[in-house]
Every structure is written in C-alpha cells, then in structure tokens.
Amino acid sequence: MFIIFSGSIFLSGIDSADALKAKNAKSPKSFGKATSNIVCGDKLCGEIPQNVSDGGAKLLSTVSSVSVSNNDTFDLTASQITKNIDGKTLQMFGYNEQTPGPLLIVSQGDEITVNFTNNLDLPTTVHWHGLRLDSASDGVPGVSQDPVLPGETFQYSLKFPDTGIFFYHPHVKTEMQMDMGLYGNILVESKNSDNLPVDYEIPLFLDDISIVDNELQSFDPDITTHTLMGRFGNTMIANGDANLSLEFKQGDIVRFYLTNAANTRTFDFGIEQQKIKLIADDASEYERQEFVDSVIMASSERRTIDVLFEESGQYDITHSTSDKTYVLGTISVTPSLNKIDSSFYSIEQNSDIVQEIDQFRKFFSDPPDLELEFDIKTMSMDDHSMSMGVHEKEIDEIEWEDEMPKMNAMSDDENTKWIIRDMNSGKEGFDIGYQVNVGDVKKIRLYNNPESAHPMQHPIHIHGQRVLVLSEDGIPNENLAWKDSVLVPTGKTVDILVDFSNPGNWVMHCHILEHAEAGMITEITVN
C-alpha cells in the first residue's frame, strides 16, 4: 500500500501543575486582526522612532541545540524513548533520544548533510518541512524516496535558502509518528543575526497529546483512525513539557519562534497582558511588523514574535477559544532596574521583502490557473446523521475542539475519504496531475466547501516551494510574507501565488495529519 504521512533566565518543569486549565471563558481573538492604536506614553506606538542598540541575542532552548556549519555532517537517529510528561511515564518516539528532537542552528545559504538512522520497529522517513531543497531529500515515500526500514540508514542533503524557523518530522504514518514525539526545529539565521533587537530567542513547539490511563492513547498499526476531525489531545504541551516555566527580567525583549506540531488542533497563542509584535511567517519576515492580540496557527504553521516584558509579575502562556483558555506554561518576570526600550513599539518596514515581492505583484490580478476544492466522502457512516451533527449549530471558521468524539473515533481511512478536487476537470487527488515548469508563477484558488458532509478548516502545505497568500474571499492581504502552509477556514476561498522555483515531484496536502492519510493529497510536477 502506498503510505504517506503517512538577564536572568530559568527553564524548568513543575510536575504537580495541571497544564490543561480551563479558565475564564472569553471570545476568541479576531482572525488575523492587528492592533493599530496601542498607546505608549502620549504617542501611538508606531510614531516612536526606532533606535535599537546593537548586540547579540542569547538563544535559549529547553531542548538541546547544535550549530551546524556549511558542508558539515549531522547524525540523526529515530528510536523509542521514555519520557515523563505531567508526572506520567510515557513510551514515545524521539530523535537522538529526545522529543522534541535537537534544534539545528544553521546559516542562510549553507548546505549540510544529515545521516539518518532508523532504530524504530517500523518504516519511517524525515521530511524537512518548509525547506526549498532538492526533491530527492524531501522525505516522501513513493514520490522522492523509499521508506527507511528498521535498522536502515538514509542520507539527506539540505539547503537553506530562506531564513526563519522550520521543522523536521516523518512522512510515513505521520499522524502516529509525530504524535508520539518525532519532530524537531531548524533555525535558519541570516548573516546579520548578531544584531537582532532582542535580548533572548526561544524556539517553542505547541502540541497536544492524548493521555488515557496514564499512557499515550493507542494507535492502530494498520489503519488511520480519527480521520473525520483529526486526533485532538487532552494534554497541552510546549516543547514537550506540560508545565513549561520561563523566567525573565523586567525590560527583557524576547523573540519566540513558534511552531504548531499538533495533529489537528489550531492554536490561538497569547501571553497574558503582553503586546505581541508579529515579525515573520513560515519562510520570511512580513512586509511590515504588526502588533496583534494573539497569533492563530494551524498545524505546521510557524510564526516569529517579539514580546517586551515591561512589568514584573507572573503571566500565563495561553491558547484561547470562545469557550475556555488553556494554560500552556507560565512566565515569571522578576523586578529589574533595566531601562525599558521604547523603540520596541516602533513598526519597521521590511524593504528587502517588499522589493522581493514587488516582482510578483504583476501576477496578483490574474485569474486562477488552478482551482481546488476540499470535500469529504463517507462510505459506511451515516452521512445524514453526520451532517445533522455538524449543521445543527452555526458552522465556525475554525473547529477548535472535537465536538463529535464518538463519530470521530469511529472514522478511519477506509470509511472516510478526504478529497482535493480540481474544480474544472473534476479529477481528484493524485489524478489531478498538475504540471508546471521551473520559473512559473501560478495562482491557485483554494475553496473550502461549507456544504460538504463535515466542513472544517484545512491547513494546506506545499512541499519544496514558497507561496504568498493573496486574499481571502476576495479581500486582499495587505501584509505579505512567504509561506509554505496556508490555513483555509471553513467556507472560505483563499487565493495563493506559488513561486515554482524548485524542480521535482512535490506533494500538496492538508496538514491535519489524519486528513492527509485519508486521501487529502495531490502531487505537483515542476519540470
């Protein structure tokens, strides 16, 4: 069977705390809405002139990190591990005996080799999510390589043309292997990273896992379950910790590199009482920085944010929905005589990104070259009861929780098929056979059909290329950045522009991992 997806600092965990805390209910944040009128003293923050002093930021990580230089070789091994989460000893998977796996720190433009060894009892690969690398190293079985069998090795050649935070994970039974801990970050630094206007940098994985009877919820080795909505967890973890604790000093500016590694959950990330400066998306900085109340991230999306801790105190790291707020960790800010850097509140324009995107603006108003819609077919489940279960209340743009756990648990990749369909030809999945040439720039329209049997959001990931999100329901995106994963909310039409710069065969799929395993995938050939 063809299987795919298949300065004071203190970092610690508090075993007795409960990470899954339902707190004061409140309305969800506006979808992608920026705060434009934050007042700093007697001025709007955007009016304060930028005056950042030079100095290197200190990189902190709750997982081990390694700097890998150009042409270096790095050894990576997947194996079974034992890990304590929330006071429970769990059998999990890890890279180099840990989850998350080691943070790789590299420089933009460098190339490295990764010697991978599979010490698991099942086949696997490594996909280097978001990297524009050679297709032979993309890690997709049946497309770019054969699965790496137990005890075997494989050599990956990695390139880093883009800066930002990326990550690596399997591409065989991905819904199981990622959920059991196989993922790690890659931080690609620019040549001027020593002059970042922050004091500290912290990569932060957001995830949820399902613990039942003090063990990870079991997986079926032969079929993929929970394909209707994806597998939601009941325990929130940040960097593999259910009780993450961070400590900074008053006046510290911290850059967080956020990655959503959950199977299906969309996070609305915030830090209690803190203003968030949005710096970068998946694969580049934004045209301009923005202040936002929170950051909405679907599975596989990344964001880079800066936070200035002006006041001492203890603040929760949160994920908020309309029903409740989950605590992902806590930040303690100790009193300090450090001077508050008011230049934090200035808004920088990124002229380099603007100029880079300028050459693509002539394509923005073109008609779509490819129109894709998302749908679902159920084979042995009651379509009517499923539809009624969903439509008896107003459909939300984002499904924050598993609202139908029994039906979701009954669904699998045999009775539930998720679909990517070419709206013009009617072809589905791999039959679409879309082909382009290197250097082509194509507009692709993504339509998330609200009349399907079970409408929900779909984060669409394109391998090996970079994209711009042009609009949602015809409303232009006024602050662009390069991406590789695009959240398409329920009922929405999203236009993206793809820069096909990288030759080879590449997959495009939903990154709700169970949806991908259940058929929500296609292939694009770049000649």
Protein backbone atom coordinates (compact mmCIF):
# COMPACT_ATOMS: atom_id res chain seq x y z
CA MET A 1 0.00 0.00 0.00
CA PHE A 2 1.22 3.50 -0.85
CA ILE A 3 1.70 5.08 2.59
CA ILE A 4 2.19 8.83 3.06
CA PHE A 5 2.20 10.88 6.28
CA SER A 6 1.72 8.75 6.49
CA GLY A 7 19.47 38.90 32.13
CA SER A 8 18.27 36.02 34.37
CA ILE A 9 16.75 33.02 32.71
CA PHE A 10 15.27 29.90 34.26
CA LEU A 11 13.73 26.98 32.33
CA SER A 12 12.11 24.16 34.23
CA GLY A 13 9.02 21.98 34.67
CA ILE A 14 6.69 21.75 37.69
CA ASP A 15 5.37 18.20 37.85
CA SER A 16 2.46 18.92 40.19
CA ALA A 17 0.83 21.58 37.99
CA ASP A 18 -2.00 20.81 35.61
CA ALA A 19 -1.32 22.16 32.12
CA LEU A 20 -4.87 21.69 30.90
CA LYS A 21 -6.56 24.51 32.82
CA ALA A 22 -9.94 25.82 31.77
CA LYS A 23 -10.05 29.41 32.93
CA ASN A 24 -12.28 32.40 32.35
CA ALA A 25 -14.30 31.95 29.19
CA LYS A 26 -13.89 34.72 26.64
CA SER A 27 -14.43 35.46 22.99
CA PRO A 28 -11.78 34.30 20.54
CA LYS A 29 -9.40 36.83 19.07
CA SER A 30 -10.20 38.44 15.74
CA PHE A 31 -8.92 36.28 12.92
CA GLY A 32 -5.58 37.84 11.93
CA LYS A 33 -6.57 41.27 13.21
CA ALA A 34 -3.73 43.60 14.16
CA THR A 35 -3.79 46.19 16.91
CA SER A 36 -3.01 49.52 15.29
CA ASN A 37 -3.66 52.01 18.09
CA ILE A 38 -1.54 50.88 21.03
CA VAL A 39 -0.62 53.96 23.05
CA CYS A 40 2.88 54.33 24.51
CA GLY A 41 3.02 57.38 26.74
CA ASP A 42 1.43 60.24 24.80
CA LYS A 43 2.10 58.79 21.34
CA LEU A 44 0.87 55.98 19.19
CA CYS A 45 3.49 53.26 19.37
CA GLY A 46 4.11 53.38 15.63
CA GLU A 47 5.20 57.01 15.94
CA ILE A 48 8.07 56.30 18.30
CA PRO A 49 11.34 56.35 16.31
CA GLN A 50 13.32 53.11 16.01
CA ASN A 51 16.61 53.23 17.93
CA VAL A 52 17.79 49.72 18.61
CA SER A 53 21.26 49.30 20.08
CA ASP A 54 23.48 46.64 18.58
CA GLY A 55 24.17 43.48 20.49
CA GLY A 56 23.77 39.76 20.14
CA ALA A 57 20.66 38.00 21.39
CA LYS A 58 21.12 34.93 23.56
CA LEU A 59 19.49 31.78 22.15
CA LEU A 60 17.77 29.68 24.79
CA SER A 61 16.15 26.31 24.27
CA THR A 62 14.54 23.77 26.58
CA VAL A 63 15.84 21.08 24.22
CA SER A 64 19.44 20.51 23.19
CA SER A 65 20.70 22.56 20.25
CA VAL A 66 23.60 22.18 17.86
CA SER A 67 25.15 24.65 15.42
CA VAL A 68 25.90 23.02 12.09
CA SER A 69 28.29 24.81 9.73
CA ASN A 70 28.37 24.80 5.94
CA ASN A 71 29.27 21.37 4.49
CA ASP A 72 29.08 19.72 7.92
CA THR A 73 27.50 16.32 8.54
CA PHE A 74 24.99 15.72 11.32
CA ASP A 75 23.86 12.31 12.62
CA LEU A 76 20.15 11.89 13.38
CA THR A 77 18.54 8.75 14.81
CA ALA A 78 14.88 7.87 15.42
CA SER A 79 14.19 5.48 18.28
CA GLN A 80 11.77 4.63 21.06
CA ILE A 81 12.23 6.64 24.24
CA THR A 82 10.70 7.02 27.68
CA LYS A 83 9.55 10.49 28.65
CA ASN A 84 7.86 11.99 31.70
CA ILE A 85 5.00 14.34 30.88
CA ASP A 86 2.76 15.78 33.58
CA GLY A 87 4.01 13.20 36.08
CA LYS A 88 3.31 10.26 33.80
CA THR A 89 5.98 7.99 32.29
CA LEU A 90 5.15 7.54 28.61
CA GLN A 91 6.56 5.34 25.88
CA MET A 92 7.23 7.70 22.96
CA PHE A 93 9.45 8.20 19.92
CA GLY A 94 12.32 10.66 19.72
CA TYR A 95 15.14 11.97 17.58
CA ASN A 96 18.55 11.47 19.19
CA GLU A 97 16.86 10.13 22.34
CA GLN A 98 14.67 13.19 22.92
CA THR A 99 11.40 14.88 21.97
CA PRO A 100 11.36 17.46 20.60
CA GLY A 101 14.44 16.49 18.64
CA PRO A 102 17.61 18.59 18.71
CA LEU A 103 17.35 22.16 17.46
CA LEU A 104 19.60 22.57 14.42
CA ILE A 105 21.06 26.06 14.01
CA VAL A 106 22.33 26.87 10.52
CA SER A 107 23.07 29.91 8.38
CA GLN A 108 21.14 31.03 5.34
CA GLY A 109 22.75 29.80 2.14
CA ASP A 110 24.61 26.92 3.78
CA GLU A 111 24.29 23.26 2.84
CA ILE A 112 24.66 20.30 5.20
CA THR A 113 24.34 16.52 5.13
CA VAL A 114 22.20 14.55 7.59
CA ASN A 115 22.96 10.87 8.09
CA PHE A 116 19.69 9.38 9.32
CA THR A 117 19.33 6.02 11.07
CA ASN A 118 16.01 4.34 11.76
CA ASN A 119 16.10 2.46 15.07
CA LEU A 120 12.31 2.17 15.27
CA ASP A 121 10.45 -1.08 14.69
CA LEU A 122 8.56 0.39 11.74
CA PRO A 123 9.42 2.24 8.50
CA THR A 124 9.89 5.99 8.57
CA THR A 125 11.46 8.93 6.68
CA VAL A 126 12.39 12.51 7.54
CA HIS A 127 10.60 15.39 5.81
CA TRP A 128 12.29 18.79 6.12
CA HIS A 129 9.18 20.93 6.38
CA GLY A 130 9.33 24.26 4.56
CA LEU A 131 12.83 23.87 3.12
CA ARG A 132 13.33 24.51 -0.59
CA LEU A 133 15.77 21.65 -1.03
CA ASP A 134 16.40 19.01 -3.70
CA SER A 135 13.37 16.78 -4.15
CA ALA A 136 15.42 13.63 -3.54
CA SER A 137 15.81 14.75 0.09
CA ASP A 138 12.18 15.73 0.69
CA GLY A 139 11.38 12.51 2.56
CA VAL A 140 8.10 11.46 0.90
CA PRO A 141 7.88 7.70 0.24
CA GLY A 142 6.64 6.79 -3.22
CA VAL A 143 7.48 10.28 -4.51
CA SER A 144 11.06 11.14 -3.51
CA GLN A 145 12.39 8.03 -1.73
CA ASP A 146 11.58 4.58 -0.41
CA PRO A 147 10.69 4.25 3.28
CA VAL A 148 13.69 3.80 5.56
CA LEU A 149 13.17 0.34 7.04
CA PRO A 150 14.07 -0.59 10.63
CA GLY A 151 17.85 -0.67 11.04
CA GLU A 152 18.48 1.11 7.73
CA THR A 153 20.07 4.49 7.04
CA PHE A 154 19.46 7.30 4.56
CA GLN A 155 21.48 10.38 3.67
CA TYR A 156 19.71 13.74 3.27
CA SER A 157 21.27 16.80 1.61
CA LEU A 158 19.77 20.01 3.00
CA LYS A 159 19.78 23.54 1.62
CA PHE A 160 18.67 26.70 3.44
CA PRO A 161 17.77 29.48 1.01
CA ASP A 162 15.27 31.08 3.41
CA THR A 163 15.58 32.40 6.96
CA GLY A 164 13.26 31.58 9.82
CA ILE A 165 12.09 28.63 11.86
CA PHE A 166 11.48 25.31 10.08
CA PHE A 167 11.00 21.79 11.34
CA TYR A 168 11.55 18.14 10.54
CA HIS A 169 9.21 15.20 11.03
CA PRO A 170 8.35 11.80 9.49
CA HIS A 171 6.28 11.26 6.36
CA VAL A 172 5.18 7.67 6.99
CA LYS A 173 2.15 7.15 9.27
CA THR A 174 2.76 10.76 10.20
CA GLU A 175 -0.32 11.03 12.37
CA MET A 176 1.12 8.37 14.68
CA GLN A 177 4.85 9.09 14.50
CA MET A 178 4.57 12.86 15.03
CA ASP A 179 2.04 12.44 17.83
CA MET A 180 4.45 10.08 19.56
CA GLY A 181 7.17 12.75 19.52
CA LEU A 182 9.06 12.71 16.23
CA TYR A 183 9.65 16.37 15.40
CA GLY A 184 12.38 18.97 15.81
CA ASN A 185 13.16 22.56 14.81
CA ILE A 186 15.66 24.11 12.42
CA LEU A 187 16.59 27.76 12.95
CA VAL A 188 17.99 29.32 9.78
CA GLU A 189 19.78 32.53 10.72
CA SER A 190 20.59 35.44 8.44
CA LYS A 191 24.12 36.77 8.20
CA ASN A 192 23.20 39.77 10.41
CA SER A 193 21.51 37.74 13.15
CA ASP A 194 24.03 39.06 15.69
CA ASN A 195 22.24 42.42 15.54
CA LEU A 196 18.73 41.29 16.49
CA PRO A 197 16.89 43.91 18.59
CA VAL A 198 16.05 41.36 21.31
CA ASP A 199 17.71 40.00 24.43
CA TYR A 200 16.75 36.35 24.07
CA GLU A 201 15.48 33.90 21.43
CA ILE A 202 13.36 30.87 22.34
CA PRO A 203 12.03 28.23 19.91
CA LEU A 204 8.66 26.97 21.18
CA PHE A 205 6.77 23.92 19.91
CA LEU A 206 3.00 23.91 20.59
CA ASP A 207 1.35 20.50 20.70
CA ASP A 208 -1.33 18.39 22.33
CA ILE A 209 -1.31 14.68 23.13
CA SER A 210 -3.98 12.31 24.38
CA ILE A 211 -3.15 10.51 27.63
CA VAL A 212 -5.53 7.70 28.61
CA ASP A 213 -4.98 5.60 31.77
CA ASN A 214 -1.53 7.14 32.23
CA GLU A 215 -0.44 6.09 28.73
CA LEU A 216 -0.50 7.65 25.30
CA GLN A 217 -3.75 6.81 23.55
CA SER A 218 -3.07 3.79 21.36
CA PHE A 219 -2.82 3.78 17.57
CA ASP A 220 -3.99 1.13 15.13
CA PRO A 221 -0.86 -0.09 13.30
CA ASP A 222 -2.78 -0.89 10.10
CA ILE A 223 -5.34 1.88 9.65
CA THR A 224 -5.56 5.57 10.45
CA THR A 225 -8.33 6.47 12.91
CA HIS A 226 -9.94 9.80 13.83
CA THR A 227 -9.94 10.78 10.17
CA LEU A 228 -13.12 12.86 10.41
CA MET A 229 -11.67 15.67 12.54
CA GLY A 230 -8.16 14.55 13.37
CA ARG A 231 -6.89 13.41 16.76
CA PHE A 232 -7.28 16.11 19.41
CA GLY A 233 -5.23 15.74 22.57
CA ASN A 234 -6.35 16.19 26.17
CA THR A 235 -2.97 17.41 27.44
CA MET A 236 -1.32 20.57 26.16
CA ILE A 237 2.48 20.58 25.89
CA ALA A 238 5.03 23.24 24.98
CA ASN A 239 8.46 21.95 23.98
CA GLY A 240 7.32 18.54 25.17
CA ASP A 241 6.52 19.86 28.66
CA ALA A 242 3.04 20.03 30.19
CA ASN A 243 4.26 22.57 32.77
CA LEU A 244 6.70 24.86 30.98
CA SER A 245 8.15 27.61 33.18
CA LEU A 246 10.23 30.54 31.90
CA GLU A 247 11.81 33.39 33.82
CA PHE A 248 12.98 36.78 32.52
CA LYS A 249 13.87 40.15 33.93
CA GLN A 250 11.74 43.25 33.69
CA GLY A 251 12.64 45.07 30.48
CA ASP A 252 13.75 41.96 28.58
CA ILE A 253 12.69 41.66 24.94
CA VAL A 254 12.20 38.04 23.90
CA ARG A 255 11.83 36.59 20.43
CA PHE A 256 9.68 33.44 20.31
CA TYR A 257 9.89 31.09 17.32
CA LEU A 258 6.52 29.32 17.37
CA THR A 259 5.73 26.00 15.65
CA ASN A 260 2.40 24.17 15.74
CA ALA A 261 3.21 20.44 15.80
CA ALA A 262 -0.30 19.23 16.73
CA ASN A 263 -2.07 16.65 14.58
CA THR A 264 -5.15 18.81 14.10
CA ARG A 265 -5.54 21.48 16.80
CA THR A 266 -5.38 25.12 15.75
CA PHE A 267 -3.79 27.28 18.45
CA ASP A 268 -4.65 30.87 19.33
CA PHE A 269 -1.41 31.72 21.10
CA GLY A 270 -1.10 34.61 23.52
CA ILE A 271 0.80 35.76 26.57
CA GLU A 272 -1.29 37.23 29.37
CA GLN A 273 -1.26 41.08 29.46
CA GLN A 274 1.51 41.30 26.84
CA LYS A 275 1.58 43.05 23.49
CA ILE A 276 2.83 40.80 20.69
CA LYS A 277 4.87 42.15 17.81
CA LEU A 278 4.44 39.92 14.76
CA ILE A 279 7.77 39.64 12.93
CA ALA A 280 7.75 36.71 10.49
CA ASP A 281 5.65 33.94 9.00
CA ASP A 282 6.66 30.47 7.80
CA ALA A 283 9.51 31.35 5.45
CA SER A 284 10.18 35.09 5.65
CA GLU A 285 9.58 38.27 7.57
CA TYR A 286 6.43 40.28 6.83
CA GLU A 287 6.45 43.38 4.65
CA ARG A 288 5.91 45.29 7.88
CA GLN A 289 5.74 44.41 11.54
CA GLU A 290 2.38 44.47 13.33
CA PHE A 291 1.08 44.42 16.87
CA VAL A 292 -1.50 41.69 17.45
CA ASP A 293 -3.50 40.48 20.41
CA SER A 294 -2.71 36.83 19.68
CA VAL A 295 -1.45 34.55 16.93
CA ILE A 296 -3.67 31.94 15.24
CA MET A 297 -1.64 28.99 13.97
CA ALA A 298 -2.90 25.85 12.25
CA SER A 299 -0.98 22.59 12.20
CA SER A 300 2.53 23.04 10.69
CA GLU A 301 2.39 26.85 10.61
CA ARG A 302 5.16 28.90 12.21
CA ARG A 303 5.37 32.47 13.45
CA THR A 304 8.10 34.66 14.86
CA ILE A 305 7.03 37.16 17.51
CA ASP A 306 8.73 39.63 19.85
CA VAL A 307 7.48 40.43 23.36
CA LEU A 308 8.68 43.18 25.73
CA PHE A 309 8.10 42.35 29.39
CA GLU A 310 7.63 45.82 30.87
CA GLU A 311 6.21 44.87 34.25
CA SER A 312 7.30 42.29 36.78
CA GLY A 313 4.86 39.52 37.67
CA GLN A 314 3.72 36.09 36.55
CA TYR A 315 1.97 35.65 33.19
CA ASP A 316 0.31 32.66 31.60
CA ILE A 317 1.17 31.43 28.12
CA THR A 318 -2.28 30.73 26.71
CA HIS A 319 -4.33 29.12 23.99
CA SER A 320 -7.78 30.74 23.94
CA THR A 321 -11.05 29.68 22.32
CA SER A 322 -14.56 31.05 22.67
CA ASP A 323 -15.23 28.54 25.46
CA LYS A 324 -12.10 28.49 27.56
CA THR A 325 -8.46 29.35 27.96
CA TYR A 326 -5.79 26.67 28.22
CA VAL A 327 -2.55 27.41 30.04
CA LEU A 328 0.49 26.19 28.08
CA GLY A 329 3.04 27.44 30.59
CA THR A 330 3.99 30.37 32.79
CA ILE A 331 6.44 33.25 32.53
CA SER A 332 7.84 34.87 35.66
CA VAL A 333 9.24 38.38 35.22
CA THR A 334 11.49 39.47 38.07
CA PRO A 335 11.90 43.15 39.04
CA SER A 336 14.84 44.94 37.46
CA LEU A 337 16.25 48.42 37.04
CA ASN A 338 16.73 47.79 33.32
CA LYS A 339 15.64 50.71 31.19
CA ILE A 340 12.55 49.98 29.12
CA ASP A 341 13.44 50.23 25.42
CA SER A 342 10.58 52.28 23.95
CA SER A 343 11.90 51.62 20.43
CA PHE A 344 10.24 48.19 20.74
CA TYR A 345 6.95 49.89 19.92
CA SER A 346 8.08 51.27 16.59
CA ILE A 347 6.92 49.47 13.47
CA GLU A 348 9.61 48.55 10.97
CA GLN A 349 9.01 48.25 7.25
CA ASN A 350 10.95 45.41 5.66
CA SER A 351 12.13 46.96 2.43
CA ASP A 352 14.01 43.83 1.32
CA ILE A 353 10.86 41.69 1.46
CA VAL A 354 8.78 44.42 -0.20
CA GLN A 355 11.23 44.66 -3.07
CA GLU A 356 11.42 40.89 -3.42
CA ILE A 357 7.64 40.61 -3.60
CA ASP A 358 7.37 43.58 -6.00
CA GLN A 359 8.44 41.41 -8.94
CA PHE A 360 5.43 39.14 -8.31
CA ARG A 361 2.74 41.83 -8.00
CA LYS A 362 2.03 41.78 -11.73
CA PHE A 363 0.50 38.32 -11.22
CA PHE A 364 -1.80 39.29 -8.35
CA SER A 365 -4.81 40.20 -10.51
CA ASP A 366 -4.50 37.23 -12.89
CA PRO A 367 -7.31 34.68 -12.99
CA PRO A 368 -6.51 31.44 -11.14
CA ASP A 369 -4.50 28.85 -13.04
CA LEU A 370 -5.81 26.04 -10.85
CA GLU A 371 -8.97 25.90 -8.72
CA LEU A 372 -9.12 23.28 -5.97
CA GLU A 373 -11.96 22.47 -3.61
CA PHE A 374 -11.99 20.40 -0.43
CA ASP A 375 -14.64 17.78 0.18
CA ILE A 376 -15.28 14.52 2.02
CA LYS A 377 -16.84 11.16 1.19
CA THR A 378 -18.06 8.77 3.87
CA MET A 379 -18.63 5.17 2.86
CA SER A 380 -20.05 3.25 5.79
CA MET A 381 -21.08 6.01 8.17
CA ASP A 382 -24.45 7.77 8.21
CA ASP A 383 -23.95 10.89 6.11
CA HIS A 384 -27.24 12.34 7.27
CA SER A 385 -26.51 11.97 10.97
CA MET A 386 -23.01 13.33 10.44
CA SER A 387 -24.32 16.33 8.57
CA MET A 388 -27.03 17.00 11.15
CA GLY A 389 -24.48 16.73 13.94
CA VAL A 390 -22.46 19.48 12.35
CA HIS A 391 -25.12 21.77 10.94
CA GLU A 392 -27.43 21.92 13.94
CA LYS A 393 -25.35 24.89 15.04
CA GLU A 394 -23.72 27.65 13.08
CA ILE A 395 -20.58 26.47 11.34
CA ASP A 396 -17.42 28.05 12.75
CA GLU A 397 -14.49 29.09 10.60
CA ILE A 398 -12.24 27.03 12.86
CA GLU A 399 -13.13 23.84 14.71
CA TRP A 400 -11.27 24.39 17.97
CA GLU A 401 -12.30 21.15 19.71
CA ASP A 402 -13.52 17.64 18.92
CA GLU A 403 -17.27 18.31 19.04
CA MET A 404 -18.20 14.77 17.96
CA PRO A 405 -15.73 12.46 19.72
CA LYS A 406 -17.68 9.21 19.21
CA MET A 407 -18.18 9.74 15.49
CA ASN A 408 -14.60 10.94 15.10
CA ALA A 409 -13.29 7.83 16.87
CA MET A 410 -15.34 5.59 14.53
CA SER A 411 -13.95 7.25 11.41
CA ASP A 412 -10.90 5.81 9.66
CA ASP A 413 -9.13 5.92 6.33
CA GLU A 414 -11.37 3.14 5.00
CA ASN A 415 -14.79 4.68 5.71
CA THR A 416 -13.85 8.36 5.44
CA LYS A 417 -12.09 9.86 2.41
CA TRP A 418 -10.95 13.47 2.33
CA ILE A 419 -10.69 14.99 -1.13
CA ILE A 420 -8.74 17.61 -3.04
CA ARG A 421 -10.62 18.14 -6.32
CA ASP A 422 -9.80 20.11 -9.47
CA MET A 423 -12.97 22.16 -9.90
CA ASN A 424 -12.55 22.34 -13.70
CA SER A 425 -11.60 18.79 -14.61
CA GLY A 426 -13.30 17.04 -11.70
CA LYS A 427 -10.16 14.96 -11.08
CA GLU A 428 -9.21 14.20 -7.51
CA GLY A 429 -6.01 13.58 -5.53
CA PHE A 430 -3.07 12.20 -7.48
CA ASP A 431 -5.21 12.00 -10.64
CA ILE A 432 -5.09 15.80 -10.93
CA GLY A 433 -1.51 15.53 -12.23
CA TYR A 434 -0.79 19.26 -12.22
CA GLN A 435 2.41 20.16 -14.08
CA VAL A 436 4.38 23.41 -14.29
CA ASN A 437 7.87 24.48 -15.32
CA VAL A 438 10.66 25.91 -13.19
CA GLY A 439 10.22 29.67 -13.06
CA ASP A 440 6.44 29.55 -13.45
CA VAL A 441 4.36 31.70 -11.12
CA LYS A 442 0.86 30.31 -10.71
CA LYS A 443 -2.22 31.49 -8.88
CA ILE A 444 -4.08 28.66 -7.14
CA ARG A 445 -7.57 29.15 -5.70
CA LEU A 446 -8.43 27.05 -2.63
CA TYR A 447 -12.14 26.65 -1.88
CA ASN A 448 -13.23 25.08 1.40
CA ASN A 449 -16.75 23.89 0.60
CA PRO A 450 -19.08 24.66 3.56
CA GLU A 451 -21.72 22.25 2.18
CA SER A 452 -19.58 19.13 2.50
CA ALA A 453 -20.67 16.39 4.90
CA HIS A 454 -18.26 17.71 7.50
CA PRO A 455 -16.87 21.17 6.81
CA MET A 456 -13.84 22.23 8.83
CA GLN A 457 -10.63 24.22 8.36
CA HIS A 458 -7.76 22.80 6.30
CA PRO A 459 -4.11 23.90 6.59
CA ILE A 460 -2.68 23.22 3.12
CA HIS A 461 1.06 22.58 2.89
CA ILE A 462 3.03 22.71 -0.38
CA HIS A 463 6.39 20.93 -0.38
CA GLY A 464 9.54 22.47 -1.82
CA GLN A 465 8.09 25.83 -2.92
CA ARG A 466 7.10 29.13 -1.35
CA VAL A 467 3.76 30.89 -1.61
CA LEU A 468 2.10 34.24 -0.96
CA VAL A 469 -1.41 34.39 0.47
CA LEU A 470 -3.05 37.00 -1.76
CA SER A 471 -6.61 37.17 -0.47
CA GLU A 472 -9.43 35.57 1.48
CA ASP A 473 -12.92 35.79 -0.04
CA GLY A 474 -11.58 38.45 -2.41
CA ILE A 475 -10.27 40.71 0.37
CA PRO A 476 -6.59 41.42 -0.36
CA ASN A 477 -3.92 40.54 2.16
CA GLU A 478 -2.22 43.85 2.89
CA ASN A 479 0.84 42.48 4.69
CA LEU A 480 2.54 39.68 2.80
CA ALA A 481 5.18 37.14 3.77
CA TRP A 482 6.44 33.94 2.17
CA LYS A 483 4.73 30.80 3.45
CA ASP A 484 4.56 27.07 2.82
CA SER A 485 1.42 26.26 4.84
CA VAL A 486 -1.87 28.09 4.31
CA LEU A 487 -4.88 27.93 6.62
CA VAL A 488 -8.17 27.82 4.69
CA PRO A 489 -11.03 28.35 7.19
CA THR A 490 -14.40 26.70 6.70
CA GLY A 491 -16.39 28.20 3.84
CA LYS A 492 -13.58 30.47 2.72
CA THR A 493 -11.91 30.94 -0.65
CA VAL A 494 -8.19 31.69 -0.41
CA ASP A 495 -6.04 32.70 -3.38
CA ILE A 496 -2.33 31.91 -3.21
CA LEU A 497 0.53 32.69 -5.57
CA VAL A 498 3.14 29.94 -5.89
CA ASP A 499 6.71 30.64 -6.94
CA PHE A 500 7.67 27.36 -8.62
CA SER A 501 11.42 27.75 -8.29
CA ASN A 502 12.30 24.19 -7.37
CA PRO A 503 12.24 21.27 -9.87
CA GLY A 504 10.98 17.81 -8.99
CA ASN A 505 7.89 15.97 -7.84
CA TRP A 506 6.24 17.53 -4.79
CA VAL A 507 3.15 16.79 -2.77
CA MET A 508 0.49 19.24 -1.63
CA HIS A 509 -1.75 18.14 1.21
CA CYS A 510 -3.79 19.03 4.25
CA HIS A 511 -1.63 19.12 7.37
CA ILE A 512 -4.37 17.82 9.59
CA LEU A 513 -2.39 14.62 9.57
CA GLU A 514 -5.35 12.23 9.60
CA HIS A 515 -6.88 14.08 6.62
CA ALA A 516 -3.70 13.59 4.62
CA GLU A 517 -3.61 9.89 5.48
CA ALA A 518 -7.26 9.67 4.37
CA GLY A 519 -6.55 10.96 0.87
CA MET A 520 -6.36 14.76 1.08
CA ILE A 521 -3.21 14.94 -1.01
CA THR A 522 -2.13 15.61 -4.58
CA GLU A 523 1.15 15.85 -6.47
CA ILE A 524 2.64 18.70 -8.47
CA THR A 525 5.39 18.11 -11.01
CA VAL A 526 7.81 21.00 -11.57
CA ASN A 527 9.64 20.29 -14.84
